[in-house]
Amino acid sequence: MYDLNSSNPNPILNYEGISKNITGVGFHEDGKWMFTCGEDCSARVWDLRSRNLQCQRIFQTTAPITSICLHPNQGELILGDQSGLLHLWDLKTDHNEQLIPEVDASIQCVAIDSSANYVASVNNKGNCYLWSYNGNGTRLSPEHKMNAHRKYALHCKFSPDSTLLVTTSADRSAFIWKTSDFSLKQELKDERQRWVWDTAFSNDSEHLLTASSDGMARLWNVESGNIEREYEGHQKSLTALAFCDPYS
């Protein structure tokens, strides 16, 4: 862990004990704790206020965990694994539930919208599954299935205003779907684009950034589907990005 307010380029803390690749990381909104998941079939919660650098809580699965996201209530973690299981871990009660969207399909990414109305997952068969929250509990109700892509799906994310969902794939495309009726709003394609690994919406949900294996990041207009800007410079695949949008 690094201190961004310091000129020290070295880590100030080193959290150890994970034996295999880490596939996801995130923070509690108040910075009280962080969470990780990885190929060691575990999700972990680390208390950032503790002097003890060991993991405080751990959730064990039977398959490598590919994706993790935090519920807006800051009290539940949603995980997807390679065996195709979706896990809902309630951090307050330690209760967990499991769902199997599709047998023999690895979940590649999970996402929840900012209003906590929908949970989405995409898998290695190109399918996208959506659930709605049922009441105040953690139980999810099946909402919709989309054959989103012809090939391996890689990523999904909701727009900040919760009206859109983007899915990306090895088929070199990103599709934007309306959450009102799950119809296709926009297909984002470019002949030079390769696998699309990651995305980020602008705060006003009117633009989308994509990261692709051709080493390019592209800024798309959501309404028109046109590329407004391309960001070059990477010599290898661009697999992750983040977008700071303080002015919208």
C-alpha atoms as a PDB file:
ATOM      1  CA  MET A   1       0.000   0.000   0.000  1.00  0.00           C
ATOM      2  CA  TYR A   2       1.284   3.429  -0.974  1.00  0.00           C
ATOM      3  CA  ASP A   3       0.705   6.912   0.459  1.00  0.00           C
ATOM      4  CA  LEU A   4      -0.254   9.211  -2.437  1.00  0.00           C
ATOM      5  CA  ASN A   5       0.325  12.331  -0.319  1.00  0.00           C
ATOM      6  CA  SER A   6       3.946  11.391   0.288  1.00  0.00           C
ATOM      7  CA  SER A   7       6.988  11.717  -1.964  1.00  0.00           C
ATOM      8  CA  ASN A   8       8.117   8.295  -0.790  1.00  0.00           C
ATOM      9  CA  PRO A   9       7.870   5.901  -3.784  1.00  0.00           C
ATOM     10  CA  ASN A  10       8.134   2.826  -1.552  1.00  0.00           C
ATOM     11  CA  PRO A  11       5.173   0.978  -0.039  1.00  0.00           C
ATOM     12  CA  ILE A  12       4.248   1.945   3.513  1.00  0.00           C
ATOM     13  CA  LEU A  13       2.520  -1.364   4.208  1.00  0.00           C
ATOM     14  CA  ASN A  14       2.878  -4.860   2.776  1.00  0.00           C
ATOM     15  CA  TYR A  15      -0.032  -7.242   3.262  1.00  0.00           C
ATOM     16  CA  GLU A  16       1.116 -10.835   2.949  1.00  0.00           C
ATOM     17  CA  GLY A  17      -0.351 -14.301   3.058  1.00  0.00           C
ATOM     18  CA  ILE A  18      -1.813 -14.668  -0.432  1.00  0.00           C
ATOM     19  CA  SER A  19      -0.178 -17.498  -2.341  1.00  0.00           C
ATOM     20  CA  LYS A  20      -1.520 -16.946  -5.872  1.00  0.00           C
ATOM     21  CA  ASN A  21      -2.514 -14.171  -8.265  1.00  0.00           C
ATOM     22  CA  ILE A  22      -4.839 -11.450  -6.963  1.00  0.00           C
ATOM     23  CA  THR A  23      -7.691 -10.780  -9.391  1.00  0.00           C
ATOM     24  CA  GLY A  24      -9.616  -8.031  -7.581  1.00  0.00           C
ATOM     25  CA  VAL A  25      -9.112  -5.309  -4.990  1.00  0.00           C
ATOM     26  CA  GLY A  26     -11.209  -2.471  -3.599  1.00  0.00           C
ATOM     27  CA  PHE A  27     -11.807  -0.143  -0.660  1.00  0.00           C
ATOM     28  CA  HIS A  28     -14.622   0.580   1.771  1.00  0.00           C
ATOM     29  CA  GLU A  29     -15.938   4.063   0.914  1.00  0.00           C
ATOM     30  CA  ASP A  30     -14.569   5.515   4.182  1.00  0.00           C
ATOM     31  CA  GLY A  31     -11.226   3.744   3.842  1.00  0.00           C
ATOM     32  CA  LYS A  32     -11.788   1.602   6.930  1.00  0.00           C
ATOM     33  CA  TRP A  33     -10.922  -1.637   5.186  1.00  0.00           C
ATOM     34  CA  MET A  34     -10.060  -3.094   1.824  1.00  0.00           C
ATOM     35  CA  PHE A  35     -10.960  -6.360   0.136  1.00  0.00           C
ATOM     36  CA  THR A  36      -9.137  -8.679  -2.237  1.00  0.00           C
ATOM     37  CA  CYS A  37      -9.886 -11.867  -4.148  1.00  0.00           C
ATOM     38  CA  GLY A  38      -7.741 -14.222  -6.138  1.00  0.00           C
ATOM     39  CA  GLU A  39      -6.802 -17.518  -7.662  1.00  0.00           C
ATOM     40  CA  ASP A  40      -6.216 -19.073  -4.215  1.00  0.00           C
ATOM     41  CA  CYS A  41     -10.023 -19.511  -4.028  1.00  0.00           C
ATOM     42  CA  SER A  42     -10.318 -16.871  -1.310  1.00  0.00           C
ATOM     43  CA  ALA A  43     -11.719 -13.400  -0.691  1.00  0.00           C
ATOM     44  CA  ARG A  44     -10.194 -11.411   2.144  1.00  0.00           C
ATOM     45  CA  VAL A  45     -11.066  -8.343   4.198  1.00  0.00           C
ATOM     46  CA  TRP A  46      -8.170  -6.322   5.596  1.00  0.00           C
ATOM     47  CA  ASP A  47      -8.741  -3.831   8.429  1.00  0.00           C
ATOM     48  CA  LEU A  48      -6.724  -0.734   7.523  1.00  0.00           C
ATOM     49  CA  ARG A  49      -7.034   0.692  11.046  1.00  0.00           C
ATOM     50  CA  SER A  50      -5.350  -2.280  12.678  1.00  0.00           C
ATOM     51  CA  ARG A  51      -1.648  -2.513  13.418  1.00  0.00           C
ATOM     52  CA  ASN A  52      -1.938  -6.204  12.677  1.00  0.00           C
ATOM     53  CA  LEU A  53      -1.281  -6.616   8.958  1.00  0.00           C
ATOM     54  CA  GLN A  54      -2.811 -10.080   8.826  1.00  0.00           C
ATOM     55  CA  CYS A  55      -6.149 -10.729   7.151  1.00  0.00           C
ATOM     56  CA  GLN A  56      -9.071 -10.222   9.554  1.00  0.00           C
ATOM     57  CA  ARG A  57     -11.742 -12.120   7.610  1.00  0.00           C
ATOM     58  CA  ILE A  58     -11.622 -14.693   4.860  1.00  0.00           C
ATOM     59  CA  PHE A  59     -14.216 -16.280   2.570  1.00  0.00           C
ATOM     60  CA  GLN A  60     -13.260 -19.600   1.024  1.00  0.00           C
ATOM     61  CA  THR A  61     -14.586 -21.016  -2.245  1.00  0.00           C
ATOM     62  CA  THR A  62     -13.787 -24.179  -4.197  1.00  0.00           C
ATOM     63  CA  ALA A  63     -12.599 -22.428  -7.378  1.00  0.00           C
ATOM     64  CA  PRO A  64     -10.401 -19.446  -8.277  1.00  0.00           C
ATOM     65  CA  ILE A  65     -12.271 -16.157  -7.835  1.00  0.00           C
ATOM     66  CA  THR A  66     -12.266 -14.025 -10.977  1.00  0.00           C
ATOM     67  CA  SER A  67     -14.144 -10.893  -9.885  1.00  0.00           C
ATOM     68  CA  ILE A  68     -15.426  -9.044  -6.822  1.00  0.00           C
ATOM     69  CA  CYS A  69     -17.519  -5.941  -6.153  1.00  0.00           C
ATOM     70  CA  LEU A  70     -18.840  -4.140  -3.073  1.00  0.00           C
ATOM     71  CA  HIS A  71     -22.544  -3.439  -2.533  1.00  0.00           C
ATOM     72  CA  PRO A  72     -23.319   0.306  -2.193  1.00  0.00           C
ATOM     73  CA  ASN A  73     -24.487  -0.398   1.378  1.00  0.00           C
ATOM     74  CA  GLN A  74     -20.818  -1.197   2.131  1.00  0.00           C
ATOM     75  CA  GLY A  75     -21.868  -4.373   3.902  1.00  0.00           C
ATOM     76  CA  GLU A  76     -21.925  -7.100   1.230  1.00  0.00           C
ATOM     77  CA  LEU A  77     -19.409  -8.470  -1.238  1.00  0.00           C
ATOM     78  CA  ILE A  78     -20.420 -10.138  -4.498  1.00  0.00           C
ATOM     79  CA  LEU A  79     -17.989 -12.598  -6.056  1.00  0.00           C
ATOM     80  CA  GLY A  80     -17.798 -14.708  -9.203  1.00  0.00           C
ATOM     81  CA  ASP A  81     -15.594 -17.755  -9.670  1.00  0.00           C
ATOM     82  CA  GLN A  82     -14.293 -20.034 -12.406  1.00  0.00           C
ATOM     83  CA  SER A  83     -16.714 -22.842 -11.532  1.00  0.00           C
ATOM     84  CA  GLY A  84     -19.639 -20.567 -12.448  1.00  0.00           C
ATOM     85  CA  LEU A  85     -20.823 -19.744  -8.924  1.00  0.00           C
ATOM     86  CA  LEU A  86     -21.986 -16.284  -7.869  1.00  0.00           C
ATOM     87  CA  HIS A  87     -21.448 -15.707  -4.141  1.00  0.00           C
ATOM     88  CA  LEU A  88     -23.130 -13.092  -1.938  1.00  0.00           C
ATOM     89  CA  TRP A  89     -21.201 -12.588   1.302  1.00  0.00           C
ATOM     90  CA  ASP A  90     -22.964 -10.555   4.008  1.00  0.00           C
ATOM     91  CA  LEU A  91     -20.153  -9.051   6.072  1.00  0.00           C
ATOM     92  CA  LYS A  92     -22.440  -8.189   9.002  1.00  0.00           C
ATOM     93  CA  THR A  93     -23.873 -11.670   9.563  1.00  0.00           C
ATOM     94  CA  ASP A  94     -21.227 -13.724   7.714  1.00  0.00           C
ATOM     95  CA  HIS A  95     -24.121 -15.372   5.887  1.00  0.00           C
ATOM     96  CA  ASN A  96     -23.514 -16.305   2.256  1.00  0.00           C
ATOM     97  CA  GLU A  97     -25.701 -17.361  -0.643  1.00  0.00           C
ATOM     98  CA  GLN A  98     -24.752 -19.014  -3.916  1.00  0.00           C
ATOM     99  CA  LEU A  99     -26.278 -18.826  -7.373  1.00  0.00           C
ATOM    100  CA  ILE A 100     -25.385 -20.772 -10.518  1.00  0.00           C
ATOM    101  CA  PRO A 101     -26.275 -18.645 -13.573  1.00  0.00           C
ATOM    102  CA  GLU A 102     -25.061 -21.243 -16.075  1.00  0.00           C
ATOM    103  CA  VAL A 103     -23.591 -24.715 -15.644  1.00  0.00           C
ATOM    104  CA  ASP A 104     -20.058 -25.260 -16.970  1.00  0.00           C
ATOM    105  CA  ALA A 105     -19.436 -21.552 -17.611  1.00  0.00           C
ATOM    106  CA  SER A 106     -16.799 -19.491 -15.814  1.00  0.00           C
ATOM    107  CA  ILE A 107     -17.956 -16.128 -14.458  1.00  0.00           C
ATOM    108  CA  GLN A 108     -15.496 -13.496 -15.694  1.00  0.00           C
ATOM    109  CA  CYS A 109     -16.899 -10.330 -14.128  1.00  0.00           C
ATOM    110  CA  VAL A 110     -19.589  -9.213 -11.672  1.00  0.00           C
ATOM    111  CA  ALA A 111     -21.033  -5.725 -11.194  1.00  0.00           C
ATOM    112  CA  ILE A 112     -23.738  -3.948  -9.186  1.00  0.00           C
ATOM    113  CA  ASP A 113     -25.326  -0.622 -10.079  1.00  0.00           C
ATOM    114  CA  SER A 114     -25.060   2.415  -7.803  1.00  0.00           C
ATOM    115  CA  SER A 115     -28.742   2.213  -6.858  1.00  0.00           C
ATOM    116  CA  ALA A 116     -28.401  -1.459  -5.895  1.00  0.00           C
ATOM    117  CA  ASN A 117     -31.269  -2.420  -8.174  1.00  0.00           C
ATOM    118  CA  TYR A 118     -29.358  -4.849 -10.381  1.00  0.00           C
ATOM    119  CA  VAL A 119     -26.460  -7.289 -10.263  1.00  0.00           C
ATOM    120  CA  ALA A 120     -24.860  -8.414 -13.532  1.00  0.00           C
ATOM    121  CA  SER A 121     -22.380 -11.108 -14.478  1.00  0.00           C
ATOM    122  CA  VAL A 122     -20.767 -12.165 -17.754  1.00  0.00           C
ATOM    123  CA  ASN A 123     -19.189 -15.517 -18.537  1.00  0.00           C
ATOM    124  CA  ASN A 124     -16.765 -17.205 -20.896  1.00  0.00           C
ATOM    125  CA  LYS A 125     -19.596 -18.206 -23.224  1.00  0.00           C
ATOM    126  CA  GLY A 126     -20.471 -14.585 -23.965  1.00  0.00           C
ATOM    127  CA  ASN A 127     -23.669 -14.557 -21.908  1.00  0.00           C
ATOM    128  CA  CYS A 128     -24.776 -11.844 -19.494  1.00  0.00           C
ATOM    129  CA  TYR A 129     -27.094 -12.534 -16.554  1.00  0.00           C
ATOM    130  CA  LEU A 130     -28.960  -9.933 -14.526  1.00  0.00           C
ATOM    131  CA  TRP A 131     -30.716 -10.143 -11.179  1.00  0.00           C
ATOM    132  CA  SER A 132     -32.819  -7.676  -9.198  1.00  0.00           C
ATOM    133  CA  TYR A 133     -32.644  -7.263  -5.428  1.00  0.00           C
ATOM    134  CA  ASN A 134     -35.676  -8.648  -3.658  1.00  0.00           C
ATOM    135  CA  GLY A 135     -36.663  -6.338  -0.796  1.00  0.00           C
ATOM    136  CA  ASN A 136     -34.092  -5.379   1.811  1.00  0.00           C
ATOM    137  CA  GLY A 137     -32.378  -8.755   1.972  1.00  0.00           C
ATOM    138  CA  THR A 138     -29.504 -10.128  -0.017  1.00  0.00           C
ATOM    139  CA  ARG A 139     -31.673 -12.525  -2.017  1.00  0.00           C
ATOM    140  CA  LEU A 140     -31.578 -11.965  -5.779  1.00  0.00           C
ATOM    141  CA  SER A 141     -34.367 -12.627  -8.250  1.00  0.00           C
ATOM    142  CA  PRO A 142     -33.496 -13.624 -11.842  1.00  0.00           C
ATOM    143  CA  GLU A 143     -34.288 -10.718 -14.129  1.00  0.00           C
ATOM    144  CA  HIS A 144     -32.876 -11.279 -17.600  1.00  0.00           C
ATOM    145  CA  LYS A 145     -30.399 -13.249 -19.711  1.00  0.00           C
ATOM    146  CA  MET A 146     -28.676 -11.801 -22.763  1.00  0.00           C
ATOM    147  CA  ASN A 147     -26.601 -13.598 -25.375  1.00  0.00           C
ATOM    148  CA  ALA A 148     -24.423 -10.526 -25.281  1.00  0.00           C
ATOM    149  CA  HIS A 149     -21.403 -11.642 -27.312  1.00  0.00           C
ATOM    150  CA  ARG A 150     -20.380 -14.306 -29.793  1.00  0.00           C
ATOM    151  CA  LYS A 151     -17.175 -15.050 -27.901  1.00  0.00           C
ATOM    152  CA  TYR A 152     -15.640 -14.956 -24.428  1.00  0.00           C
ATOM    153  CA  ALA A 153     -17.063 -12.048 -22.387  1.00  0.00           C
ATOM    154  CA  LEU A 154     -14.498 -10.140 -20.330  1.00  0.00           C
ATOM    155  CA  HIS A 155     -16.092  -7.264 -18.443  1.00  0.00           C
ATOM    156  CA  CYS A 156     -19.354  -5.627 -17.382  1.00  0.00           C
ATOM    157  CA  LYS A 157     -20.112  -2.326 -15.667  1.00  0.00           C
ATOM    158  CA  PHE A 158     -23.132  -0.135 -14.932  1.00  0.00           C
ATOM    159  CA  SER A 159     -23.197   3.572 -15.711  1.00  0.00           C
ATOM    160  CA  PRO A 160     -23.200   5.986 -12.738  1.00  0.00           C
ATOM    161  CA  ASP A 161     -26.866   6.854 -13.352  1.00  0.00           C
ATOM    162  CA  SER A 162     -27.768   3.130 -13.484  1.00  0.00           C
ATOM    163  CA  THR A 163     -29.524   3.492 -16.848  1.00  0.00           C
ATOM    164  CA  LEU A 164     -26.882   1.632 -18.881  1.00  0.00           C
ATOM    165  CA  LEU A 165     -24.825  -1.551 -18.735  1.00  0.00           C
ATOM    166  CA  VAL A 166     -21.713  -2.124 -20.822  1.00  0.00           C
ATOM    167  CA  THR A 167     -20.361  -5.583 -21.664  1.00  0.00           C
ATOM    168  CA  THR A 168     -17.068  -6.292 -23.424  1.00  0.00           C
ATOM    169  CA  SER A 169     -15.645  -9.337 -25.113  1.00  0.00           C
ATOM    170  CA  ALA A 170     -12.961 -11.162 -27.016  1.00  0.00           C
ATOM    171  CA  ASP A 171     -15.093 -10.502 -30.104  1.00  0.00           C
ATOM    172  CA  ARG A 172     -13.449  -7.036 -30.208  1.00  0.00           C
ATOM    173  CA  SER A 173     -16.561  -5.125 -29.222  1.00  0.00           C
ATOM    174  CA  ALA A 174     -18.254  -3.336 -26.361  1.00  0.00           C
ATOM    175  CA  PHE A 175     -22.054  -3.319 -26.237  1.00  0.00           C
ATOM    176  CA  ILE A 176     -24.114  -0.788 -24.279  1.00  0.00           C
ATOM    177  CA  TRP A 177     -27.510  -1.984 -23.033  1.00  0.00           C
ATOM    178  CA  LYS A 178     -30.443  -0.051 -21.561  1.00  0.00           C
ATOM    179  CA  THR A 179     -31.373  -1.250 -18.076  1.00  0.00           C
ATOM    180  CA  SER A 180     -34.978  -0.140 -18.617  1.00  0.00           C
ATOM    181  CA  ASP A 181     -35.722  -2.982 -21.052  1.00  0.00           C
ATOM    182  CA  PHE A 182     -32.268  -4.583 -21.662  1.00  0.00           C
ATOM    183  CA  SER A 183     -32.346  -3.600 -25.305  1.00  0.00           C
ATOM    184  CA  LEU A 184     -29.139  -2.811 -27.178  1.00  0.00           C
ATOM    185  CA  LYS A 185     -28.420   0.915 -27.242  1.00  0.00           C
ATOM    186  CA  GLN A 186     -25.018   1.015 -28.897  1.00  0.00           C
ATOM    187  CA  GLU A 187     -22.391  -1.249 -30.428  1.00  0.00           C
ATOM    188  CA  LEU A 188     -18.876   0.135 -30.047  1.00  0.00           C
ATOM    189  CA  LYS A 189     -16.569  -1.329 -32.678  1.00  0.00           C
ATOM    190  CA  ASP A 190     -13.435  -0.301 -34.518  1.00  0.00           C
ATOM    191  CA  GLU A 191     -11.556  -2.374 -37.110  1.00  0.00           C
ATOM    192  CA  ARG A 192      -8.279  -1.896 -35.219  1.00  0.00           C
ATOM    193  CA  GLN A 193      -9.716  -2.809 -31.838  1.00  0.00           C
ATOM    194  CA  ARG A 194      -8.889  -6.179 -30.299  1.00  0.00           C
ATOM    195  CA  TRP A 195     -10.081  -7.769 -27.045  1.00  0.00           C
ATOM    196  CA  VAL A 196     -11.775  -5.156 -24.850  1.00  0.00           C
ATOM    197  CA  TRP A 197     -10.652  -5.758 -21.274  1.00  0.00           C
ATOM    198  CA  ASP A 198     -11.942  -2.853 -19.216  1.00  0.00           C
ATOM    199  CA  THR A 199     -14.239   0.168 -19.344  1.00  0.00           C
ATOM    200  CA  ALA A 200     -15.055   3.332 -17.404  1.00  0.00           C
ATOM    201  CA  PHE A 201     -18.033   5.671 -17.729  1.00  0.00           C
ATOM    202  CA  SER A 202     -17.815   9.426 -17.293  1.00  0.00           C
ATOM    203  CA  ASN A 203     -19.740  10.749 -14.291  1.00  0.00           C
ATOM    204  CA  ASP A 204     -22.547  12.038 -16.526  1.00  0.00           C
ATOM    205  CA  SER A 205     -22.846   8.600 -18.217  1.00  0.00           C
ATOM    206  CA  GLU A 206     -22.489  10.249 -21.647  1.00  0.00           C
ATOM    207  CA  HIS A 207     -19.007   8.943 -22.480  1.00  0.00           C
ATOM    208  CA  LEU A 208     -17.227   5.618 -22.126  1.00  0.00           C
ATOM    209  CA  LEU A 209     -13.540   4.722 -22.091  1.00  0.00           C
ATOM    210  CA  THR A 210     -12.399   1.290 -23.270  1.00  0.00           C
ATOM    211  CA  ALA A 211      -9.080  -0.539 -22.890  1.00  0.00           C
ATOM    212  CA  SER A 212      -8.098  -2.941 -25.671  1.00  0.00           C
ATOM    213  CA  SER A 213      -5.429  -5.510 -26.552  1.00  0.00           C
ATOM    214  CA  ASP A 214      -4.266  -3.294 -29.422  1.00  0.00           C
ATOM    215  CA  GLY A 215      -2.675  -1.028 -26.794  1.00  0.00           C
ATOM    216  CA  MET A 216      -5.255   1.732 -27.248  1.00  0.00           C
ATOM    217  CA  ALA A 217      -7.682   3.453 -24.916  1.00  0.00           C
ATOM    218  CA  ARG A 218     -10.666   4.977 -26.703  1.00  0.00           C
ATOM    219  CA  LEU A 219     -13.184   7.582 -25.608  1.00  0.00           C
ATOM    220  CA  TRP A 220     -16.628   6.907 -27.075  1.00  0.00           C
ATOM    221  CA  ASN A 221     -19.730   9.033 -27.277  1.00  0.00           C
ATOM    222  CA  VAL A 222     -22.462   6.823 -25.800  1.00  0.00           C
ATOM    223  CA  GLU A 223     -25.293   8.442 -27.764  1.00  0.00           C
ATOM    224  CA  SER A 224     -23.667   8.424 -31.205  1.00  0.00           C
ATOM    225  CA  GLY A 225     -21.315   5.459 -30.802  1.00  0.00           C
ATOM    226  CA  ASN A 226     -18.468   7.494 -32.316  1.00  0.00           C
ATOM    227  CA  ILE A 227     -14.876   7.592 -31.128  1.00  0.00           C
ATOM    228  CA  GLU A 228     -14.062  11.083 -29.874  1.00  0.00           C
ATOM    229  CA  ARG A 229     -10.470  10.471 -28.847  1.00  0.00           C
ATOM    230  CA  GLU A 230      -7.814   7.757 -28.914  1.00  0.00           C
ATOM    231  CA  TYR A 231      -4.996   7.438 -26.402  1.00  0.00           C
ATOM    232  CA  GLU A 232      -1.784   5.875 -27.732  1.00  0.00           C
ATOM    233  CA  GLY A 233       1.582   5.015 -26.254  1.00  0.00           C
ATOM    234  CA  HIS A 234       1.279   1.522 -24.787  1.00  0.00           C
ATOM    235  CA  GLN A 235       3.415  -1.079 -26.507  1.00  0.00           C
ATOM    236  CA  LYS A 236       1.441  -4.060 -25.192  1.00  0.00           C
ATOM    237  CA  SER A 237      -2.149  -4.962 -24.389  1.00  0.00           C
ATOM    238  CA  LEU A 238      -4.099  -2.434 -22.340  1.00  0.00           C
ATOM    239  CA  THR A 239      -6.003  -4.542 -19.793  1.00  0.00           C
ATOM    240  CA  ALA A 240      -7.144  -2.035 -17.143  1.00  0.00           C
ATOM    241  CA  LEU A 241      -7.982   1.648 -16.845  1.00  0.00           C
ATOM    242  CA  ALA A 242      -9.500   4.174 -14.454  1.00  0.00           C
ATOM    243  CA  PHE A 243     -11.145   7.484 -15.256  1.00  0.00           C
ATOM    244  CA  CYS A 244     -11.032  10.543 -12.991  1.00  0.00           C
ATOM    245  CA  ASP A 245     -13.816  12.914 -14.016  1.00  0.00           C
ATOM    246  CA  PRO A 246     -13.929  15.755 -11.454  1.00  0.00           C
ATOM    247  CA  TYR A 247     -15.619  18.373 -13.634  1.00  0.00           C
ATOM    248  CA  SER A 248     -18.856  16.721 -14.731  1.00  0.00           C
END
